[in-house]
């Protein structure tokens, strides 16, 4: 796609090649129609997509704000789009970028990709909560993924300028014939994304063990990379689940499309979340979600209509939901059809691009 000659937007986030929901989000924006109207640029922040030791990380954290200010001046970007999460590491790091962008008189879009709700973030500490309330009033727009977040942020920081723009995907072709969901083979369960304990991966592995003990045969394929990869391998070996559960590396492009075509269920009983791209991709590809109703997930999935809800941190509930789908293939097929239709009708990249186009345009109009 030809680079636009329009207003320049500097997007902050991890490497676009990293296995991360925010990386996926950046790629969606860069590859959308938005890049035909605005000159999209990136300033890389965070550790994802880097290979650094402790000293390198420390030097990057110290030098980061100076490099950001230099980049902002050099590129003459009019809008800074900060992609962050309400978790301590991201919050404290990104305050520096927010302050610098405002000091240099740039418009700031502060997009929150999950994490704690603001009223819970500092556990009742009045001073730090007051600081957070002030921080949320600085950006020209605070973009949130979930309706629940809109209500919580609006109550916590009434002066914040909030906008609701969910994540989105470009649905490809999907085989939704009943034969795909036949009981002639074990239920094929997958996870794709960052390998971290709070994503519910260990609860799903335990659910597979429970099902084995019940005599229910399923397979579980875990794709991605992250800090929990070593522990995942150890747990699989400890429970002797190597014939049913396997860990493969990150998948991209056509390999990812094939991954979804070969899946029937996405197991994602995450503890906390924004709006995971893996959920939207899985639903578009015909994989039924078994998920926890956290973050923006209830905005997308209706329990018993597009997938099944399970409480976080409850392997027994995950096992029960998976066994239900394994034994009721007509239900599995109905949920897959409804899940695909839900994403195609409501969560397209074209719609998301139009929302950001309107937001960016409103900010650039304010400066002219």
Protein backbone atom coordinates (compact mmCIF):
# COMPACT_ATOMS: atom_id res chain seq x y z
CA UNK A 1 0.00 0.00 0.00
CA UNK A 2 1.32 3.44 -0.93
CA UNK A 3 2.39 5.60 1.99
CA UNK A 4 0.03 8.51 2.58
CA UNK A 5 1.12 12.12 2.36
CA UNK A 6 -1.40 13.13 5.04
CA UNK A 7 -0.87 13.99 8.71
CA UNK A 8 1.73 11.86 10.46
CA UNK A 9 0.76 9.56 13.31
CA UNK A 10 3.44 8.00 15.53
CA UNK A 11 2.23 4.71 17.01
CA UNK A 12 3.93 3.37 20.13
CA UNK A 13 4.00 -0.36 20.69
CA UNK A 14 6.10 -3.55 20.53
CA UNK A 15 7.79 -4.90 17.44
CA UNK A 16 5.25 -5.74 14.75
CA UNK A 17 6.86 -9.18 14.44
CA UNK A 18 6.31 -10.00 18.13
CA UNK A 19 3.71 -12.50 19.34
CA UNK A 20 1.42 -10.00 21.01
CA UNK A 21 -2.12 -8.72 20.72
CA UNK A 22 -0.81 -5.16 20.49
CA UNK A 23 1.54 -6.18 17.67
CA UNK A 24 -1.43 -7.65 15.83
CA UNK A 25 -3.31 -4.40 16.41
CA UNK A 26 -0.45 -2.34 14.97
CA UNK A 27 -0.29 -4.57 11.90
CA UNK A 28 -4.04 -4.22 11.40
CA UNK A 29 -3.76 -0.43 11.44
CA UNK A 30 -0.73 -0.28 9.15
CA UNK A 31 -2.36 -2.64 6.64
CA UNK A 32 -5.78 -0.99 6.70
CA UNK A 33 -7.21 1.87 4.64
CA UNK A 34 -6.11 4.19 7.45
CA UNK A 35 -2.60 4.23 5.99
CA UNK A 36 -3.91 5.75 2.77
CA UNK A 37 -5.06 8.89 4.59
CA UNK A 38 -2.46 9.22 7.36
CA UNK A 39 1.30 8.64 7.37
CA UNK A 40 1.61 5.91 10.00
CA UNK A 41 4.99 5.55 11.71
CA UNK A 42 6.13 3.43 14.64
CA UNK A 43 8.26 3.98 17.71
CA UNK A 44 9.04 0.64 19.34
CA UNK A 45 8.57 0.32 23.09
CA UNK A 46 8.53 -2.66 25.43
CA UNK A 47 10.56 -5.85 25.57
CA UNK A 48 8.47 -7.96 23.20
CA UNK A 49 10.31 -8.60 19.96
CA UNK A 50 13.72 -7.75 21.49
CA UNK A 51 16.59 -9.90 22.73
CA UNK A 52 18.18 -7.95 25.57
CA UNK A 53 19.80 -8.74 28.87
CA UNK A 54 19.19 -6.78 32.06
CA UNK A 55 21.76 -4.11 31.26
CA UNK A 56 20.37 -3.62 27.77
CA UNK A 57 16.85 -3.36 29.13
CA UNK A 58 17.92 -0.79 31.74
CA UNK A 59 19.71 1.31 29.13
CA UNK A 60 16.66 1.17 26.87
CA UNK A 61 14.36 2.33 29.66
CA UNK A 62 16.67 5.25 30.46
CA UNK A 63 17.25 6.28 26.85
CA UNK A 64 13.70 5.57 25.64
CA UNK A 65 12.10 8.94 26.45
CA UNK A 66 15.01 10.86 24.86
CA UNK A 67 14.86 8.71 21.73
CA UNK A 68 11.09 9.18 21.60
CA UNK A 69 11.33 12.98 21.82
CA UNK A 70 13.96 13.00 19.06
CA UNK A 71 11.80 10.75 16.88
CA UNK A 72 8.75 12.90 17.43
CA UNK A 73 10.60 16.06 16.42
CA UNK A 74 12.35 14.42 13.47
CA UNK A 75 9.19 12.86 11.99
CA UNK A 76 7.03 15.94 12.69
CA UNK A 77 4.19 13.67 13.76
CA UNK A 78 1.04 15.52 14.77
CA UNK A 79 -0.59 12.65 16.65
CA UNK A 80 0.97 10.22 19.12
CA UNK A 81 -0.97 6.96 19.50
CA UNK A 82 0.16 5.21 22.70
CA UNK A 83 -0.79 1.54 22.95
CA UNK A 84 -0.66 0.55 26.60
CA UNK A 85 -2.29 -1.65 29.25
CA UNK A 86 -3.35 -0.88 32.77
CA UNK A 87 -0.66 -3.05 34.32
CA UNK A 88 2.14 -1.54 36.45
CA UNK A 89 5.02 -2.04 33.99
CA UNK A 90 3.22 -0.49 31.02
CA UNK A 91 1.50 2.25 32.99
CA UNK A 92 4.63 3.69 34.62
CA UNK A 93 6.71 3.35 31.44
CA UNK A 94 4.17 5.08 29.21
CA UNK A 95 3.55 8.06 31.51
CA UNK A 96 6.90 9.45 30.33
CA UNK A 97 5.85 9.22 26.68
CA UNK A 98 2.48 10.80 27.44
CA UNK A 99 4.07 13.74 29.30
CA UNK A 100 6.65 14.33 26.56
CA UNK A 101 4.05 14.21 23.78
CA UNK A 102 1.86 16.78 25.55
CA UNK A 103 4.88 18.95 26.38
CA UNK A 104 5.74 19.00 22.67
CA UNK A 105 2.13 20.02 21.91
CA UNK A 106 1.13 16.83 20.12
CA UNK A 107 -2.34 15.34 20.15
CA UNK A 108 -2.37 12.06 22.07
CA UNK A 109 -4.48 8.93 21.62
CA UNK A 110 -4.05 6.71 24.69
CA UNK A 111 -5.37 3.24 23.87
CA UNK A 112 -5.74 0.78 26.74
CA UNK A 113 -5.44 -2.89 25.78
CA UNK A 114 -6.81 -4.52 28.91
CA UNK A 115 -5.43 -4.83 32.41
CA UNK A 116 -7.14 -3.81 35.65
CA UNK A 117 -10.07 -1.45 35.83
CA UNK A 118 -8.95 2.00 37.05
CA UNK A 119 -10.79 1.88 40.36
CA UNK A 120 -9.03 -1.38 41.25
CA UNK A 121 -5.58 -0.64 39.84
CA UNK A 122 -3.97 0.81 42.96
CA UNK A 123 -6.00 -1.16 45.49
CA UNK A 124 -7.56 1.85 47.15
CA UNK A 125 -4.41 3.96 47.46
CA UNK A 126 -5.85 7.48 47.29
CA UNK A 127 -2.70 9.29 46.22
CA UNK A 128 -1.84 6.94 43.37
CA UNK A 129 -5.48 6.70 42.30
CA UNK A 130 -5.65 10.50 42.16
CA UNK A 131 -2.54 10.49 39.96
CA UNK A 132 -4.13 7.92 37.65
CA UNK A 133 -7.28 10.04 37.43
CA UNK A 134 -5.11 13.01 36.44
CA UNK A 135 -3.13 10.97 33.90
CA UNK A 136 -6.34 9.83 32.20
CA UNK A 137 -7.40 13.46 31.78
CA UNK A 138 -4.25 14.39 29.81
CA UNK A 139 -4.77 12.49 26.51
CA UNK A 140 -6.97 13.99 23.82
CA UNK A 141 -8.70 10.61 23.53
CA UNK A 142 -8.64 7.48 25.70
CA UNK A 143 -9.60 4.53 23.51
CA UNK A 144 -11.13 1.50 25.23
CA UNK A 145 -12.06 -1.92 23.90
CA UNK A 146 -15.02 -2.91 26.08
CA UNK A 147 -18.35 -1.40 27.11
CA UNK A 148 -17.63 -2.47 30.69
CA UNK A 149 -14.44 -0.42 30.56
CA UNK A 150 -16.30 2.61 29.21
CA UNK A 151 -18.59 2.57 32.24
CA UNK A 152 -15.76 2.00 34.73
CA UNK A 153 -13.43 4.65 33.28
CA UNK A 154 -16.28 7.16 32.95
CA UNK A 155 -17.15 6.77 36.64
CA UNK A 156 -13.50 6.88 37.76
CA UNK A 157 -12.27 9.77 35.58
CA UNK A 158 -15.19 11.96 34.45
CA UNK A 159 -12.82 14.42 32.74
CA UNK A 160 -11.30 11.75 30.50
CA UNK A 161 -12.35 11.91 26.84
CA UNK A 162 -13.35 8.32 26.14
CA UNK A 163 -13.89 6.50 22.85
CA UNK A 164 -15.03 2.91 22.33
CA UNK A 165 -13.24 1.22 19.40
CA UNK A 166 -13.09 -2.60 19.58
CA UNK A 167 -10.39 -4.69 17.95
CA UNK A 168 -11.18 -6.28 14.61
CA UNK A 169 -10.01 -8.83 12.03
CA UNK A 170 -10.28 -9.49 8.32
CA UNK A 171 -12.21 -12.78 8.06
CA UNK A 172 -10.84 -15.14 5.44
CA UNK A 173 -12.49 -18.20 3.99
CA UNK A 174 -13.64 -20.81 6.50
CA UNK A 175 -14.88 -24.38 6.11
CA UNK A 176 -18.04 -24.54 8.22
CA UNK A 177 -19.46 -27.78 6.86
CA UNK A 178 -20.82 -30.20 9.44
CA UNK A 179 -18.13 -32.75 8.46
CA UNK A 180 -15.46 -30.54 10.03
CA UNK A 181 -17.12 -30.93 13.43
CA UNK A 182 -17.84 -34.64 13.14
CA UNK A 183 -17.42 -36.97 16.12
CA UNK A 184 -15.32 -39.28 13.98
CA UNK A 185 -12.14 -37.81 15.49
CA UNK A 186 -11.11 -36.36 18.88
CA UNK A 187 -12.11 -32.78 19.62
CA UNK A 188 -9.31 -30.49 18.42
CA UNK A 189 -8.63 -27.74 20.98
CA UNK A 190 -6.11 -24.93 20.45
CA UNK A 191 -4.60 -21.89 22.09
CA UNK A 192 -2.73 -19.19 20.15
CA UNK A 193 -0.99 -16.15 21.60
CA UNK A 194 1.48 -15.08 24.23
CA UNK A 195 2.46 -17.90 26.55
CA UNK A 196 1.75 -16.52 30.02
CA UNK A 197 0.17 -18.01 33.11
CA UNK A 198 -2.69 -15.49 33.23
CA UNK A 199 -4.01 -16.68 29.83
CA UNK A 200 -5.48 -19.84 31.36
CA UNK A 201 -3.15 -22.24 29.53
CA UNK A 202 -2.31 -24.26 32.63
CA UNK A 203 -5.99 -24.58 33.51
CA UNK A 204 -6.64 -25.99 30.04
CA UNK A 205 -3.77 -28.48 30.36
CA UNK A 206 -5.25 -29.60 33.67
CA UNK A 207 -8.66 -29.89 31.97
CA UNK A 208 -7.11 -32.19 29.35
CA UNK A 209 -5.72 -34.33 32.16
CA UNK A 210 -9.15 -34.48 33.81
CA UNK A 211 -10.73 -35.54 30.53
CA UNK A 212 -8.11 -38.25 30.04
CA UNK A 213 -8.99 -39.66 33.43
CA UNK A 214 -12.67 -39.61 32.40
CA UNK A 215 -11.88 -41.48 29.20
CA UNK A 216 -12.62 -38.49 26.94
CA UNK A 217 -10.06 -38.16 24.13
CA UNK A 218 -9.18 -34.62 23.00
CA UNK A 219 -6.09 -32.97 21.55
CA UNK A 220 -4.70 -29.61 22.66
CA UNK A 221 -2.22 -27.63 20.53
CA UNK A 222 -0.57 -24.54 22.01
CA UNK A 223 0.94 -22.04 19.56
CA UNK A 224 2.95 -18.98 20.50
CA UNK A 225 5.91 -17.88 22.56
CA UNK A 226 6.40 -16.23 25.91
CA UNK A 227 7.74 -16.52 29.45
CA UNK A 228 5.69 -19.61 30.40
CA UNK A 229 6.91 -21.85 27.56
CA UNK A 230 9.38 -23.78 29.71
CA UNK A 231 6.87 -24.38 32.49
CA UNK A 232 4.23 -25.47 29.97
CA UNK A 233 6.61 -28.11 28.61
CA UNK A 234 7.41 -29.29 32.14
CA UNK A 235 3.73 -29.63 33.11
CA UNK A 236 2.88 -31.54 29.93
CA UNK A 237 5.70 -33.99 30.68
CA UNK A 238 4.81 -34.26 34.37
CA UNK A 239 1.21 -35.23 33.56
CA UNK A 240 2.32 -37.51 30.70
CA UNK A 241 0.11 -35.66 28.23
CA UNK A 242 2.53 -35.66 25.32
CA UNK A 243 0.17 -37.78 23.23
CA UNK A 244 -2.66 -35.27 23.68
CA UNK A 245 -1.01 -31.88 24.25
CA UNK A 246 1.81 -30.30 22.28
CA UNK A 247 3.58 -26.97 22.26
CA UNK A 248 4.55 -25.49 18.92
CA UNK A 249 6.16 -22.16 18.13
CA UNK A 250 4.57 -18.98 16.91
CA UNK A 251 2.56 -19.19 13.69
CA UNK A 252 2.05 -16.40 11.17
CA UNK A 253 0.44 -15.78 7.80
CA UNK A 254 -0.72 -18.86 5.94
CA UNK A 255 0.44 -21.11 8.79
CA UNK A 256 -1.90 -19.27 11.16
CA UNK A 257 -4.79 -19.56 8.71
CA UNK A 258 -4.17 -23.31 8.47
CA UNK A 259 -3.96 -23.49 12.26
CA UNK A 260 -7.49 -22.11 12.61
CA UNK A 261 -8.83 -24.34 9.83
CA UNK A 262 -7.66 -27.40 11.76
CA UNK A 263 -9.18 -26.27 15.08
CA UNK A 264 -12.66 -26.82 16.47
CA UNK A 265 -12.33 -25.10 19.85
CA UNK A 266 -10.32 -22.18 21.20
CA UNK A 267 -9.64 -22.69 24.92
CA UNK A 268 -8.97 -19.27 26.43
CA UNK A 269 -9.99 -19.15 30.12
CA UNK A 270 -7.93 -16.00 30.68
CA UNK A 271 -7.80 -14.20 34.03
CA UNK A 272 -7.85 -10.68 32.60
CA UNK A 273 -8.07 -9.36 29.09
CA UNK A 274 -8.96 -6.53 26.74
CA UNK A 275 -10.32 -7.85 23.46
CA UNK A 276 -8.00 -10.66 22.32
CA UNK A 277 -7.32 -10.92 18.62
CA UNK A 278 -7.03 -14.68 19.00
CA UNK A 279 -10.69 -14.76 20.00
CA UNK A 280 -11.82 -12.85 16.91
CA UNK A 281 -9.53 -14.83 14.60
CA UNK A 282 -10.71 -18.14 16.04
CA UNK A 283 -14.38 -17.26 15.71
CA UNK A 284 -13.87 -16.03 12.14
CA UNK A 285 -12.08 -19.28 11.35
CA UNK A 286 -14.84 -21.47 12.75
CA UNK A 287 -13.32 -22.39 16.14
CA UNK A 288 -15.77 -22.24 19.05
CA UNK A 289 -14.50 -20.22 22.04
CA UNK A 290 -14.44 -21.62 25.57
CA UNK A 291 -13.58 -18.43 27.42
CA UNK A 292 -13.81 -16.52 30.67
CA UNK A 293 -16.24 -13.57 30.62
CA UNK A 294 -13.62 -10.88 31.32
CA UNK A 295 -12.73 -7.61 29.60
CA UNK A 296 -14.49 -7.14 26.27
CA UNK A 297 -15.12 -10.86 25.75
CA UNK A 298 -18.81 -10.61 26.86
CA UNK A 299 -19.27 -7.85 24.24
CA UNK A 300 -18.42 -10.39 21.55
CA UNK A 301 -19.53 -13.76 22.91
CA UNK A 302 -22.94 -14.66 24.27
CA UNK A 303 -22.83 -17.78 26.42
CA UNK A 304 -24.51 -20.71 24.68
CA UNK A 305 -24.89 -18.73 21.42
CA UNK A 306 -21.36 -18.11 20.13
CA UNK A 307 -19.38 -20.18 22.64
CA UNK A 308 -19.28 -21.29 26.27
CA UNK A 309 -18.28 -19.26 29.34
CA UNK A 310 -16.21 -20.75 32.16
CA UNK A 311 -14.99 -19.05 35.35
CA UNK A 312 -11.30 -18.18 35.41
CA UNK A 313 -8.95 -20.43 37.40
CA UNK A 314 -11.36 -23.41 37.30
CA UNK A 315 -9.92 -26.39 35.35
CA UNK A 316 -12.96 -28.51 36.29
CA UNK A 317 -15.31 -26.05 34.56
CA UNK A 318 -13.06 -25.99 31.48
CA UNK A 319 -13.09 -29.79 31.39
CA UNK A 320 -16.89 -29.86 31.67
CA UNK A 321 -17.32 -27.36 28.82
CA UNK A 322 -14.90 -29.25 26.57
CA UNK A 323 -16.59 -32.56 27.32
CA UNK A 324 -19.95 -31.05 26.47
CA UNK A 325 -18.70 -29.94 23.07
CA UNK A 326 -16.93 -33.25 22.44
CA UNK A 327 -20.15 -35.18 23.10
CA UNK A 328 -22.58 -32.80 21.33
CA UNK A 329 -21.21 -32.17 17.85
CA UNK A 330 -24.43 -30.58 16.51
CA UNK A 331 -24.12 -27.97 19.29
CA UNK A 332 -20.46 -27.47 18.38
CA UNK A 333 -21.44 -26.85 14.75
CA UNK A 334 -24.24 -24.41 15.65
CA UNK A 335 -21.93 -22.39 17.88
CA UNK A 336 -19.27 -22.28 15.16
CA UNK A 337 -21.73 -20.92 12.60
CA UNK A 338 -22.99 -18.25 15.01
CA UNK A 339 -19.45 -17.28 16.09
CA UNK A 340 -18.31 -16.76 12.51
CA UNK A 341 -21.38 -14.64 11.69
CA UNK A 342 -20.87 -12.54 14.82
CA UNK A 343 -17.33 -11.50 13.83
CA UNK A 344 -18.05 -11.01 10.13
CA UNK A 345 -21.02 -8.75 10.87
CA UNK A 346 -19.58 -6.68 13.71
CA UNK A 347 -15.76 -6.82 14.00
CA UNK A 348 -14.25 -6.06 10.59
CA UNK A 349 -10.99 -4.17 10.12
CA UNK A 350 -12.74 -1.87 7.66
CA UNK A 351 -15.09 -0.70 10.41
CA UNK A 352 -12.24 -0.24 12.92
CA UNK A 353 -10.23 1.75 10.36
CA UNK A 354 -13.19 4.09 9.79
CA UNK A 355 -13.44 4.70 13.55
CA UNK A 356 -9.76 5.61 13.88
CA UNK A 357 -9.93 7.67 10.69
CA UNK A 358 -12.70 9.79 12.20
CA UNK A 359 -10.83 10.08 15.52
CA UNK A 360 -7.52 11.10 13.92
CA UNK A 361 -9.27 13.56 11.63
CA UNK A 362 -11.07 15.21 14.55
CA UNK A 363 -7.72 15.70 16.33
CA UNK A 364 -5.90 17.09 13.30
CA UNK A 365 -8.82 19.45 12.60
CA UNK A 366 -8.36 20.85 16.12
CA UNK A 367 -4.78 21.86 15.29
CA UNK A 368 -5.55 23.65 12.01
